[in-house]
Amino acid sequence: MSHYADLPVYKASYDLFLEIFRFTKNFKKEYKYTVGERLKKEMIELVTLLYRANSRKDKYVILQEARERIEVIRLLIRLMKDLQQISMKQFVNINKRVENVSKQLTGWQKKHRISE
């Protein structure tokens, strides 16, 4: 079993987490403490799920929950773009990161569907 911090999906998720922290600080007050905090909370949950999945034999269900979290994150980011809290350039950049994490989670989950 590899150390969770060495996983490409963990590294990609952590980079996404950093980016979310950077841009949520510029949200208007009404969004910073609602959507901004929710984004951060979802990211903490996602990273925790990655750790949990890596340390368990039965990964499939945990990875499904991680995939659901990344979709909530994707939705909240789109909402912030539509409410003009992030620029189109930021949206495109962050969406690439979200998509990267999502694809890695899907691949990891498919790999473990067969073995469980």
PDB file of N, CA and C in Angstrom:
ATOM      1  N   MET A   1       0.852  -1.181   0.000  1.00  0.00           N
ATOM      2  CA  MET A   1       0.000   0.000   0.000  1.00  0.00           C
ATOM      3  C   MET A   1       0.896   1.243   0.000  1.00  0.00           C
ATOM      4  N   SER A   2       0.634   2.135  -0.921  1.00  0.00           N
ATOM      5  CA  SER A   2       1.426   3.361  -1.000  1.00  0.00           C
ATOM      6  C   SER A   2       0.922   4.370   0.028  1.00  0.00           C
ATOM      7  N   HIS A   3       1.789   5.264   0.371  1.00  0.00           N
ATOM      8  CA  HIS A   3       1.409   6.352   1.281  1.00  0.00           C
ATOM      9  C   HIS A   3       0.450   7.268   0.530  1.00  0.00           C
ATOM     10  N   TYR A   4      -0.631   7.653   1.171  1.00  0.00           N
ATOM     11  CA  TYR A   4      -1.673   8.423   0.476  1.00  0.00           C
ATOM     12  C   TYR A   4      -1.149   9.720  -0.122  1.00  0.00           C
ATOM     13  N   ALA A   5      -0.174  10.369   0.513  1.00  0.00           N
ATOM     14  CA  ALA A   5       0.344  11.644  -0.003  1.00  0.00           C
ATOM     15  C   ALA A   5       1.129  11.468  -1.304  1.00  0.00           C
ATOM     16  N   ASP A   6       1.497  10.236  -1.628  1.00  0.00           N
ATOM     17  CA  ASP A   6       2.207   9.951  -2.878  1.00  0.00           C
ATOM     18  C   ASP A   6       1.257   9.715  -4.048  1.00  0.00           C
ATOM     19  N   LEU A   7      -0.017   9.558  -3.765  1.00  0.00           N
ATOM     20  CA  LEU A   7      -0.994   9.290  -4.824  1.00  0.00           C
ATOM     21  C   LEU A   7      -1.178  10.513  -5.718  1.00  0.00           C
ATOM     22  N   PRO A   8      -1.160  10.321  -7.046  1.00  0.00           N
ATOM     23  CA  PRO A   8      -1.409  11.461  -7.950  1.00  0.00           C
ATOM     24  C   PRO A   8      -2.744  12.150  -7.674  1.00  0.00           C
ATOM     25  N   VAL A   9      -3.781  11.388  -7.337  1.00  0.00           N
ATOM     26  CA  VAL A   9      -5.096  11.988  -7.065  1.00  0.00           C
ATOM     27  C   VAL A   9      -5.062  12.824  -5.785  1.00  0.00           C
ATOM     28  N   TYR A  10      -4.257  12.409  -4.821  1.00  0.00           N
ATOM     29  CA  TYR A  10      -4.114  13.210  -3.601  1.00  0.00           C
ATOM     30  C   TYR A  10      -3.416  14.527  -3.919  1.00  0.00           C
ATOM     31  N   LYS A  11      -2.331  14.441  -4.681  1.00  0.00           N
ATOM     32  CA  LYS A  11      -1.587  15.650  -5.051  1.00  0.00           C
ATOM     33  C   LYS A  11      -2.474  16.612  -5.847  1.00  0.00           C
ATOM     34  N   ALA A  12      -3.235  16.076  -6.793  1.00  0.00           N
ATOM     35  CA  ALA A  12      -4.138  16.905  -7.604  1.00  0.00           C
ATOM     36  C   ALA A  12      -5.230  17.522  -6.732  1.00  0.00           C
ATOM     37  N   SER A  13      -5.737  16.768  -5.780  1.00  0.00           N
ATOM     38  CA  SER A  13      -6.778  17.268  -4.872  1.00  0.00           C
ATOM     39  C   SER A  13      -6.226  18.349  -3.957  1.00  0.00           C
ATOM     40  N   TYR A  14      -5.015  18.144  -3.481  1.00  0.00           N
ATOM     41  CA  TYR A  14      -4.413  19.143  -2.606  1.00  0.00           C
ATOM     42  C   TYR A  14      -4.164  20.454  -3.372  1.00  0.00           C
ATOM     43  N   ASP A  15      -3.710  20.346  -4.614  1.00  0.00           N
ATOM     44  CA  ASP A  15      -3.518  21.539  -5.451  1.00  0.00           C
ATOM     45  C   ASP A  15      -4.853  22.265  -5.678  1.00  0.00           C
ATOM     46  N   LEU A  16      -5.909  21.499  -5.896  1.00  0.00           N
ATOM     47  CA  LEU A  16      -7.245  22.069  -6.052  1.00  0.00           C
ATOM     48  C   LEU A  16      -7.659  22.781  -4.761  1.00  0.00           C
ATOM     49  N   PHE A  17      -7.404  22.150  -3.638  1.00  0.00           N
ATOM     50  CA  PHE A  17      -7.711  22.709  -2.328  1.00  0.00           C
ATOM     51  C   PHE A  17      -7.013  24.063  -2.137  1.00  0.00           C
ATOM     52  N   LEU A  18      -5.732  24.120  -2.461  1.00  0.00           N
ATOM     53  CA  LEU A  18      -4.981  25.374  -2.369  1.00  0.00           C
ATOM     54  C   LEU A  18      -5.596  26.461  -3.239  1.00  0.00           C
ATOM     55  N   GLU A  19      -5.942  26.092  -4.463  1.00  0.00           N
ATOM     56  CA  GLU A  19      -6.531  27.054  -5.396  1.00  0.00           C
ATOM     57  C   GLU A  19      -7.869  27.578  -4.868  1.00  0.00           C
ATOM     58  N   ILE A  20      -8.669  26.694  -4.296  1.00  0.00           N
ATOM     59  CA  ILE A  20      -9.955  27.102  -3.726  1.00  0.00           C
ATOM     60  C   ILE A  20      -9.731  28.065  -2.559  1.00  0.00           C
ATOM     61  N   PHE A  21      -8.766  27.784  -1.713  1.00  0.00           N
ATOM     62  CA  PHE A  21      -8.459  28.700  -0.612  1.00  0.00           C
ATOM     63  C   PHE A  21      -8.054  30.071  -1.143  1.00  0.00           C
ATOM     64  N   ARG A  22      -7.290  30.083  -2.218  1.00  0.00           N
ATOM     65  CA  ARG A  22      -6.824  31.355  -2.786  1.00  0.00           C
ATOM     66  C   ARG A  22      -7.982  32.194  -3.322  1.00  0.00           C
ATOM     67  N   PHE A  23      -8.903  31.573  -4.058  1.00  0.00           N
ATOM     68  CA  PHE A  23      -9.931  32.413  -4.675  1.00  0.00           C
ATOM     69  C   PHE A  23     -11.141  32.678  -3.791  1.00  0.00           C
ATOM     70  N   THR A  24     -11.394  31.863  -2.774  1.00  0.00           N
ATOM     71  CA  THR A  24     -12.549  32.132  -1.915  1.00  0.00           C
ATOM     72  C   THR A  24     -12.336  33.370  -1.049  1.00  0.00           C
ATOM     73  N   LYS A  25     -11.102  33.720  -0.781  1.00  0.00           N
ATOM     74  CA  LYS A  25     -10.855  34.911   0.051  1.00  0.00           C
ATOM     75  C   LYS A  25     -11.316  36.193  -0.638  1.00  0.00           C
ATOM     76  N   ASN A  26     -11.496  36.143  -1.968  1.00  0.00           N
ATOM     77  CA  ASN A  26     -11.944  37.317  -2.714  1.00  0.00           C
ATOM     78  C   ASN A  26     -13.453  37.350  -2.957  1.00  0.00           C
ATOM     79  N   PHE A  27     -14.168  36.358  -2.445  1.00  0.00           N
ATOM     80  CA  PHE A  27     -15.620  36.356  -2.593  1.00  0.00           C
ATOM     81  C   PHE A  27     -16.215  37.528  -1.817  1.00  0.00           C
ATOM     82  N   LYS A  28     -17.355  38.010  -2.280  1.00  0.00           N
ATOM     83  CA  LYS A  28     -18.108  38.991  -1.501  1.00  0.00           C
ATOM     84  C   LYS A  28     -18.491  38.326  -0.178  1.00  0.00           C
ATOM     85  N   LYS A  29     -18.644  39.154   0.843  1.00  0.00           N
ATOM     86  CA  LYS A  29     -18.926  38.659   2.191  1.00  0.00           C
ATOM     87  C   LYS A  29     -20.093  37.668   2.219  1.00  0.00           C
ATOM     88  N   GLU A  30     -21.151  37.967   1.481  1.00  0.00           N
ATOM     89  CA  GLU A  30     -22.338  37.102   1.510  1.00  0.00           C
ATOM     90  C   GLU A  30     -22.060  35.696   0.986  1.00  0.00           C
ATOM     91  N   TYR A  31     -21.027  35.534   0.151  1.00  0.00           N
ATOM     92  CA  TYR A  31     -20.684  34.216  -0.401  1.00  0.00           C
ATOM     93  C   TYR A  31     -19.496  33.586   0.314  1.00  0.00           C
ATOM     94  N   LYS A  32     -18.625  34.417   0.858  1.00  0.00           N
ATOM     95  CA  LYS A  32     -17.404  33.922   1.504  1.00  0.00           C
ATOM     96  C   LYS A  32     -17.727  32.972   2.645  1.00  0.00           C
ATOM     97  N   TYR A  33     -18.730  33.336   3.455  1.00  0.00           N
ATOM     98  CA  TYR A  33     -19.023  32.545   4.651  1.00  0.00           C
ATOM     99  C   TYR A  33     -20.100  31.492   4.435  1.00  0.00           C
ATOM    100  N   THR A  34     -20.604  31.405   3.238  1.00  0.00           N
ATOM    101  CA  THR A  34     -21.576  30.350   2.915  1.00  0.00           C
ATOM    102  C   THR A  34     -20.941  29.415   1.898  1.00  0.00           C
ATOM    103  N   VAL A  35     -20.913  29.828   0.664  1.00  0.00           N
ATOM    104  CA  VAL A  35     -20.390  28.969  -0.409  1.00  0.00           C
ATOM    105  C   VAL A  35     -18.887  28.743  -0.246  1.00  0.00           C
ATOM    106  N   GLY A  36     -18.146  29.794   0.111  1.00  0.00           N
ATOM    107  CA  GLY A  36     -16.701  29.650   0.296  1.00  0.00           C
ATOM    108  C   GLY A  36     -16.356  28.621   1.351  1.00  0.00           C
ATOM    109  N   GLU A  37     -17.032  28.708   2.488  1.00  0.00           N
ATOM    110  CA  GLU A  37     -16.790  27.743   3.561  1.00  0.00           C
ATOM    111  C   GLU A  37     -17.238  26.338   3.157  1.00  0.00           C
ATOM    112  N   ARG A  38     -18.326  26.238   2.424  1.00  0.00           N
ATOM    113  CA  ARG A  38     -18.803  24.932   1.970  1.00  0.00           C
ATOM    114  C   ARG A  38     -17.794  24.292   1.017  1.00  0.00           C
ATOM    115  N   LEU A  39     -17.219  25.095   0.116  1.00  0.00           N
ATOM    116  CA  LEU A  39     -16.191  24.585  -0.797  1.00  0.00           C
ATOM    117  C   LEU A  39     -14.999  24.026  -0.013  1.00  0.00           C
ATOM    118  N   LYS A  40     -14.561  24.771   0.969  1.00  0.00           N
ATOM    119  CA  LYS A  40     -13.423  24.318   1.781  1.00  0.00           C
ATOM    120  C   LYS A  40     -13.772  23.036   2.540  1.00  0.00           C
ATOM    121  N   LYS A  41     -14.975  23.000   3.100  1.00  0.00           N
ATOM    122  CA  LYS A  41     -15.414  21.811   3.841  1.00  0.00           C
ATOM    123  C   LYS A  41     -15.482  20.591   2.921  1.00  0.00           C
ATOM    124  N   GLU A  42     -16.023  20.773   1.724  1.00  0.00           N
ATOM    125  CA  GLU A  42     -16.098  19.661   0.773  1.00  0.00           C
ATOM    126  C   GLU A  42     -14.698  19.175   0.394  1.00  0.00           C
ATOM    127  N   MET A  43     -13.759  20.102   0.252  1.00  0.00           N
ATOM    128  CA  MET A  43     -12.389  19.712  -0.085  1.00  0.00           C
ATOM    129  C   MET A  43     -11.735  18.944   1.057  1.00  0.00           C
ATOM    130  N   ILE A  44     -11.966  19.378   2.299  1.00  0.00           N
ATOM    131  CA  ILE A  44     -11.422  18.640   3.447  1.00  0.00           C
ATOM    132  C   ILE A  44     -11.991  17.231   3.472  1.00  0.00           C
ATOM    133  N   GLU A  45     -13.298  17.119   3.233  1.00  0.00           N
ATOM    134  CA  GLU A  45     -13.938  15.801   3.189  1.00  0.00           C
ATOM    135  C   GLU A  45     -13.364  14.940   2.069  1.00  0.00           C
ATOM    136  N   LEU A  46     -13.146  15.548   0.905  1.00  0.00           N
ATOM    137  CA  LEU A  46     -12.602  14.810  -0.236  1.00  0.00           C
ATOM    138  C   LEU A  46     -11.211  14.265   0.083  1.00  0.00           C
ATOM    139  N   VAL A  47     -10.345  15.099   0.616  1.00  0.00           N
ATOM    140  CA  VAL A  47      -8.983  14.663   0.954  1.00  0.00           C
ATOM    141  C   VAL A  47      -9.028  13.579   2.033  1.00  0.00           C
ATOM    142  N   THR A  48      -9.932  13.712   2.990  1.00  0.00           N
ATOM    143  CA  THR A  48     -10.095  12.690   4.030  1.00  0.00           C
ATOM    144  C   THR A  48     -10.542  11.365   3.421  1.00  0.00           C
ATOM    145  N   LEU A  49     -11.455  11.428   2.472  1.00  0.00           N
ATOM    146  CA  LEU A  49     -11.911  10.201   1.798  1.00  0.00           C
ATOM    147  C   LEU A  49     -10.782   9.533   1.017  1.00  0.00           C
ATOM    148  N   LEU A  50      -9.915  10.322   0.414  1.00  0.00           N
ATOM    149  CA  LEU A  50      -8.773   9.752  -0.315  1.00  0.00           C
ATOM    150  C   LEU A  50      -7.863   8.988   0.641  1.00  0.00           C
ATOM    151  N   TYR A  51      -7.610   9.581   1.790  1.00  0.00           N
ATOM    152  CA  TYR A  51      -6.804   8.909   2.804  1.00  0.00           C
ATOM    153  C   TYR A  51      -7.479   7.601   3.221  1.00  0.00           C
ATOM    154  N   ARG A  52      -8.789   7.677   3.476  1.00  0.00           N
ATOM    155  CA  ARG A  52      -9.531   6.504   3.927  1.00  0.00           C
ATOM    156  C   ARG A  52      -9.520   5.399   2.867  1.00  0.00           C
ATOM    157  N   ALA A  53      -9.749   5.795   1.622  1.00  0.00           N
ATOM    158  CA  ALA A  53      -9.771   4.808   0.528  1.00  0.00           C
ATOM    159  C   ALA A  53      -8.417   4.133   0.384  1.00  0.00           C
ATOM    160  N   ASN A  54      -7.359   4.882   0.523  1.00  0.00           N
ATOM    161  CA  ASN A  54      -6.022   4.314   0.357  1.00  0.00           C
ATOM    162  C   ASN A  54      -5.661   3.357   1.482  1.00  0.00           C
ATOM    163  N   SER A  55      -6.243   3.543   2.661  1.00  0.00           N
ATOM    164  CA  SER A  55      -5.876   2.712   3.802  1.00  0.00           C
ATOM    165  C   SER A  55      -6.803   1.511   3.994  1.00  0.00           C
ATOM    166  N   ARG A  56      -7.777   1.348   3.115  1.00  0.00           N
ATOM    167  CA  ARG A  56      -8.727   0.233   3.248  1.00  0.00           C
ATOM    168  C   ARG A  56      -8.694  -0.686   2.043  1.00  0.00           C
ATOM    169  N   LYS A  57      -9.102  -1.888   2.302  1.00  0.00           N
ATOM    170  CA  LYS A  57      -9.187  -2.856   1.209  1.00  0.00           C
ATOM    171  C   LYS A  57     -10.444  -2.606   0.373  1.00  0.00           C
ATOM    172  N   ASP A  58     -11.549  -2.290   1.021  1.00  0.00           N
ATOM    173  CA  ASP A  58     -12.822  -2.047   0.341  1.00  0.00           C
ATOM    174  C   ASP A  58     -12.945  -0.563  -0.034  1.00  0.00           C
ATOM    175  N   LYS A  59     -12.401  -0.216  -1.179  1.00  0.00           N
ATOM    176  CA  LYS A  59     -12.298   1.179  -1.602  1.00  0.00           C
ATOM    177  C   LYS A  59     -13.520   1.686  -2.366  1.00  0.00           C
ATOM    178  N   TYR A  60     -14.258   0.821  -2.994  1.00  0.00           N
ATOM    179  CA  TYR A  60     -15.273   1.226  -3.967  1.00  0.00           C
ATOM    180  C   TYR A  60     -16.286   2.235  -3.413  1.00  0.00           C
ATOM    181  N   VAL A  61     -16.888   1.946  -2.274  1.00  0.00           N
ATOM    182  CA  VAL A  61     -17.926   2.809  -1.696  1.00  0.00           C
ATOM    183  C   VAL A  61     -17.333   4.159  -1.285  1.00  0.00           C
ATOM    184  N   ILE A  62     -16.153   4.140  -0.712  1.00  0.00           N
ATOM    185  CA  ILE A  62     -15.491   5.381  -0.297  1.00  0.00           C
ATOM    186  C   ILE A  62     -15.179   6.234  -1.528  1.00  0.00           C
ATOM    187  N   LEU A  63     -14.724   5.603  -2.597  1.00  0.00           N
ATOM    188  CA  LEU A  63     -14.419   6.334  -3.825  1.00  0.00           C
ATOM    189  C   LEU A  63     -15.690   6.893  -4.460  1.00  0.00           C
ATOM    190  N   GLN A  64     -16.797   6.192  -4.313  1.00  0.00           N
ATOM    191  CA  GLN A  64     -18.072   6.719  -4.814  1.00  0.00           C
ATOM    192  C   GLN A  64     -18.440   8.002  -4.064  1.00  0.00           C
ATOM    193  N   GLU A  65     -18.239   7.997  -2.759  1.00  0.00           N
ATOM    194  CA  GLU A  65     -18.520   9.201  -1.980  1.00  0.00           C
ATOM    195  C   GLU A  65     -17.579  10.336  -2.391  1.00  0.00           C
ATOM    196  N   ALA A  66     -16.330  10.019  -2.654  1.00  0.00           N
ATOM    197  CA  ALA A  66     -15.365  11.032  -3.113  1.00  0.00           C
ATOM    198  C   ALA A  66     -15.804  11.620  -4.449  1.00  0.00           C
ATOM    199  N   ARG A  67     -16.304  10.774  -5.342  1.00  0.00           N
ATOM    200  CA  ARG A  67     -16.798  11.256  -6.643  1.00  0.00           C
ATOM    201  C   ARG A  67     -18.003  12.176  -6.464  1.00  0.00           C
ATOM    202  N   GLU A  68     -18.865  11.858  -5.503  1.00  0.00           N
ATOM    203  CA  GLU A  68     -20.010  12.732  -5.222  1.00  0.00           C
ATOM    204  C   GLU A  68     -19.527  14.085  -4.691  1.00  0.00           C
ATOM    205  N   ARG A  69     -18.518  14.065  -3.846  1.00  0.00           N
ATOM    206  CA  ARG A  69     -17.965  15.317  -3.303  1.00  0.00           C
ATOM    207  C   ARG A  69     -17.403  16.205  -4.418  1.00  0.00           C
ATOM    208  N   ILE A  70     -16.680  15.605  -5.363  1.00  0.00           N
ATOM    209  CA  ILE A  70     -16.082  16.409  -6.431  1.00  0.00           C
ATOM    210  C   ILE A  70     -17.174  17.019  -7.307  1.00  0.00           C
ATOM    211  N   GLU A  71     -18.309  16.342  -7.443  1.00  0.00           N
ATOM    212  CA  GLU A  71     -19.418  16.906  -8.222  1.00  0.00           C
ATOM    213  C   GLU A  71     -20.069  18.076  -7.484  1.00  0.00           C
ATOM    214  N   VAL A  72     -20.156  17.999  -6.157  1.00  0.00           N
ATOM    215  CA  VAL A  72     -20.668  19.126  -5.373  1.00  0.00           C
ATOM    216  C   VAL A  72     -19.716  20.312  -5.525  1.00  0.00           C
ATOM    217  N   ILE A  73     -18.430  20.043  -5.470  1.00  0.00           N
ATOM    218  CA  ILE A  73     -17.420  21.095  -5.645  1.00  0.00           C
ATOM    219  C   ILE A  73     -17.562  21.732  -7.020  1.00  0.00           C
ATOM    220  N   ARG A  74     -17.741  20.903  -8.039  1.00  0.00           N
ATOM    221  CA  ARG A  74     -17.906  21.405  -9.413  1.00  0.00           C
ATOM    222  C   ARG A  74     -19.139  22.326  -9.499  1.00  0.00           C
ATOM    223  N   LEU A  75     -20.236  21.922  -8.882  1.00  0.00           N
ATOM    224  CA  LEU A  75     -21.473  22.702  -8.885  1.00  0.00           C
ATOM    225  C   LEU A  75     -21.284  24.048  -8.179  1.00  0.00           C
ATOM    226  N   LEU A  76     -20.644  24.031  -7.019  1.00  0.00           N
ATOM    227  CA  LEU A  76     -20.428  25.269  -6.264  1.00  0.00           C
ATOM    228  C   LEU A  76     -19.515  26.231  -7.016  1.00  0.00           C
ATOM    229  N   ILE A  77     -18.530  25.698  -7.699  1.00  0.00           N
ATOM    230  CA  ILE A  77     -17.629  26.547  -8.484  1.00  0.00           C
ATOM    231  C   ILE A  77     -18.386  27.173  -9.654  1.00  0.00           C
ATOM    232  N   ARG A  78     -19.230  26.398 -10.286  1.00  0.00           N
ATOM    233  CA  ARG A  78     -20.035  26.948 -11.386  1.00  0.00           C
ATOM    234  C   ARG A  78     -20.965  28.054 -10.870  1.00  0.00           C
ATOM    235  N   LEU A  79     -21.551  27.833  -9.705  1.00  0.00           N
ATOM    236  CA  LEU A  79     -22.410  28.839  -9.102  1.00  0.00           C
ATOM    237  C   LEU A  79     -21.635  30.139  -8.871  1.00  0.00           C
ATOM    238  N   MET A  80     -20.423  30.026  -8.380  1.00  0.00           N
ATOM    239  CA  MET A  80     -19.614  31.216  -8.113  1.00  0.00           C
ATOM    240  C   MET A  80     -19.236  31.946  -9.406  1.00  0.00           C
ATOM    241  N   LYS A  81     -19.061  31.196 -10.482  1.00  0.00           N
ATOM    242  CA  LYS A  81     -18.812  31.840 -11.777  1.00  0.00           C
ATOM    243  C   LYS A  81     -20.067  32.582 -12.213  1.00  0.00           C
ATOM    244  N   ASP A  82     -21.212  31.942 -12.101  1.00  0.00           N
ATOM    245  CA  ASP A  82     -22.472  32.550 -12.532  1.00  0.00           C
ATOM    246  C   ASP A  82     -22.838  33.776 -11.689  1.00  0.00           C
ATOM    247  N   LEU A  83     -22.372  33.812 -10.456  1.00  0.00           N
ATOM    248  CA  LEU A  83     -22.612  34.963  -9.582  1.00  0.00           C
ATOM    249  C   LEU A  83     -21.465  35.974  -9.646  1.00  0.00           C
ATOM    250  N   GLN A  84     -20.602  35.799 -10.633  1.00  0.00           N
ATOM    251  CA  GLN A  84     -19.454  36.690 -10.879  1.00  0.00           C
ATOM    252  C   GLN A  84     -18.510  36.841  -9.684  1.00  0.00           C
ATOM    253  N   GLN A  85     -18.318  35.751  -8.960  1.00  0.00           N
ATOM    254  CA  GLN A  85     -17.351  35.758  -7.860  1.00  0.00           C
ATOM    255  C   GLN A  85     -15.975  35.286  -8.316  1.00  0.00           C
ATOM    256  N   ILE A  86     -15.949  34.582  -9.437  1.00  0.00           N
ATOM    257  CA  ILE A  86     -14.676  34.197 -10.059  1.00  0.00           C
ATOM    258  C   ILE A  86     -14.769  34.528 -11.538  1.00  0.00           C
ATOM    259  N   SER A  87     -13.628  34.831 -12.112  1.00  0.00           N
ATOM    260  CA  SER A  87     -13.570  35.188 -13.530  1.00  0.00           C
ATOM    261  C   SER A  87     -13.685  33.935 -14.395  1.00  0.00           C
ATOM    262  N   MET A  88     -13.929  34.142 -15.670  1.00  0.00           N
ATOM    263  CA  MET A  88     -13.985  33.008 -16.606  1.00  0.00           C
ATOM    264  C   MET A  88     -12.633  32.299 -16.632  1.00  0.00           C
ATOM    265  N   LYS A  89     -11.553  33.061 -16.596  1.00  0.00           N
ATOM    266  CA  LYS A  89     -10.210  32.469 -16.598  1.00  0.00           C
ATOM    267  C   LYS A  89     -10.010  31.592 -15.358  1.00  0.00           C
ATOM    268  N   GLN A  90     -10.403  32.090 -14.182  1.00  0.00           N
ATOM    269  CA  GLN A  90     -10.311  31.288 -12.956  1.00  0.00           C
ATOM    270  C   GLN A  90     -11.187  30.045 -13.054  1.00  0.00           C
ATOM    271  N   PHE A  91     -12.383  30.230 -13.596  1.00  0.00           N
ATOM    272  CA  PHE A  91     -13.319  29.111 -13.736  1.00  0.00           C
ATOM    273  C   PHE A  91     -12.728  28.014 -14.615  1.00  0.00           C
ATOM    274  N   VAL A  92     -12.161  28.393 -15.743  1.00  0.00           N
ATOM    275  CA  VAL A  92     -11.561  27.416 -16.660  1.00  0.00           C
ATOM    276  C   VAL A  92     -10.405  26.696 -15.965  1.00  0.00           C
ATOM    277  N   ASN A  93      -9.555  27.444 -15.282  1.00  0.00           N
ATOM    278  CA  ASN A  93      -8.404  26.862 -14.588  1.00  0.00           C
ATOM    279  C   ASN A  93      -8.850  25.885 -13.498  1.00  0.00           C
ATOM    280  N   ILE A  94      -9.775  26.305 -12.677  1.00  0.00           N
ATOM    281  CA  ILE A  94     -10.217  25.462 -11.568  1.00  0.00           C
ATOM    282  C   ILE A  94     -10.994  24.254 -12.088  1.00  0.00           C
ATOM    283  N   ASN A  95     -11.739  24.449 -13.166  1.00  0.00           N
ATOM    284  CA  ASN A  95     -12.494  23.333 -13.738  1.00  0.00           C
ATOM    285  C   ASN A  95     -11.568  22.260 -14.304  1.00  0.00           C
ATOM    286  N   LYS A  96     -10.439  22.656 -14.853  1.00  0.00           N
ATOM    287  CA  LYS A  96      -9.445  21.676 -15.332  1.00  0.00           C
ATOM    288  C   LYS A  96      -8.944  20.836 -14.168  1.00  0.00           C
ATOM    289  N   ARG A  97      -8.712  21.485 -13.042  1.00  0.00           N
ATOM    290  CA  ARG A  97      -8.254  20.769 -11.850  1.00  0.00           C
ATOM    291  C   ARG A  97      -9.334  19.816 -11.326  1.00  0.00           C
ATOM    292  N   VAL A  98     -10.575  20.295 -11.308  1.00  0.00           N
ATOM    293  CA  VAL A  98     -11.696  19.456 -10.859  1.00  0.00           C
ATOM    294  C   VAL A  98     -11.827  18.245 -11.779  1.00  0.00           C
ATOM    295  N   GLU A  99     -11.747  18.477 -13.077  1.00  0.00           N
ATOM    296  CA  GLU A  99     -11.877  17.387 -14.049  1.00  0.00           C
ATOM    297  C   GLU A  99     -10.743  16.371 -13.889  1.00  0.00           C
ATOM    298  N   ASN A 100      -9.550  16.842 -13.637  1.00  0.00           N
ATOM    299  CA  ASN A 100      -8.409  15.959 -13.416  1.00  0.00           C
ATOM    300  C   ASN A 100      -8.656  15.054 -12.212  1.00  0.00           C
ATOM    301  N   VAL A 101      -9.100  15.626 -11.110  1.00  0.00           N
ATOM    302  CA  VAL A 101      -9.390  14.839  -9.904  1.00  0.00           C
ATOM    303  C   VAL A 101     -10.529  13.862 -10.190  1.00  0.00           C
ATOM    304  N   SER A 102     -11.576  14.324 -10.853  1.00  0.00           N
ATOM    305  CA  SER A 102     -12.729  13.489 -11.161  1.00  0.00           C
ATOM    306  C   SER A 102     -12.329  12.266 -12.001  1.00  0.00           C
ATOM    307  N   LYS A 103     -11.521  12.493 -13.028  1.00  0.00           N
ATOM    308  CA  LYS A 103     -11.074  11.375 -13.885  1.00  0.00           C
ATOM    309  C   LYS A 103     -10.233  10.377 -13.104  1.00  0.00           C
ATOM    310  N   GLN A 104      -9.364  10.879 -12.238  1.00  0.00           N
ATOM    311  CA  GLN A 104      -8.538   9.973 -11.434  1.00  0.00           C
ATOM    312  C   GLN A 104      -9.382   9.152 -10.472  1.00  0.00           C
ATOM    313  N   LEU A 105     -10.379   9.790  -9.859  1.00  0.00           N
ATOM    314  CA  LEU A 105     -11.273   9.063  -8.954  1.00  0.00           C
ATOM    315  C   LEU A 105     -12.043   7.979  -9.702  1.00  0.00           C
ATOM    316  N   THR A 106     -12.536   8.328 -10.885  1.00  0.00           N
ATOM    317  CA  THR A 106     -13.288   7.361 -11.695  1.00  0.00           C
ATOM    318  C   THR A 106     -12.402   6.168 -12.061  1.00  0.00           C
ATOM    319  N   GLY A 107     -11.177   6.452 -12.485  1.00  0.00           N
ATOM    320  CA  GLY A 107     -10.254   5.374 -12.845  1.00  0.00           C
ATOM    321  C   GLY A 107      -9.923   4.486 -11.662  1.00  0.00           C
ATOM    322  N   TRP A 108      -9.677   5.092 -10.517  1.00  0.00           N
ATOM    323  CA  TRP A 108      -9.355   4.340  -9.301  1.00  0.00           C
ATOM    324  C   TRP A 108     -10.540   3.485  -8.890  1.00  0.00           C
ATOM    325  N   GLN A 109     -11.740   4.048  -8.999  1.00  0.00           N
ATOM    326  CA  GLN A 109     -12.933   3.301  -8.626  1.00  0.00           C
ATOM    327  C   GLN A 109     -13.163   2.125  -9.564  1.00  0.00           C
ATOM    328  N   LYS A 110     -12.999   2.339 -10.874  1.00  0.00           N
ATOM    329  CA  LYS A 110     -13.185   1.244 -11.841  1.00  0.00           C
ATOM    330  C   LYS A 110     -12.207   0.118 -11.573  1.00  0.00           C
ATOM    331  N   LYS A 111     -10.981   0.454 -11.211  1.00  0.00           N
ATOM    332  CA  LYS A 111      -9.962  -0.544 -10.904  1.00  0.00           C
ATOM    333  C   LYS A 111     -10.384  -1.420  -9.728  1.00  0.00           C
ATOM    334  N   HIS A 112     -11.079  -0.817  -8.770  1.00  0.00           N
ATOM    335  CA  HIS A 112     -11.455  -1.560  -7.558  1.00  0.00           C
ATOM    336  C   HIS A 112     -12.830  -2.186  -7.640  1.00  0.00           C
ATOM    337  N   ARG A 113     -13.598  -1.870  -8.661  1.00  0.00           N
ATOM    338  CA  ARG A 113     -14.899  -2.515  -8.848  1.00  0.00           C
ATOM    339  C   ARG A 113     -14.695  -3.996  -9.165  1.00  0.00           C
ATOM    340  N   ILE A 114     -13.691  -4.262  -9.968  1.00  0.00           N
ATOM    341  CA  ILE A 114     -13.381  -5.620 -10.424  1.00  0.00           C
ATOM    342  C   ILE A 114     -12.874  -6.481  -9.273  1.00  0.00           C
ATOM    343  N   SER A 115     -12.015  -5.895  -8.423  1.00  0.00           N
ATOM    344  CA  SER A 115     -11.356  -6.694  -7.393  1.00  0.00           C
ATOM    345  C   SER A 115     -12.183  -6.881  -6.125  1.00  0.00           C
ATOM    346  N   GLU A 116     -13.354  -6.244  -6.052  1.00  0.00           N
ATOM    347  CA  GLU A 116     -14.138  -6.397  -4.811  1.00  0.00           C
ATOM    348  C   GLU A 116     -15.424  -7.150  -5.027  1.00  0.00           C
TER     349      GLU A 116
END
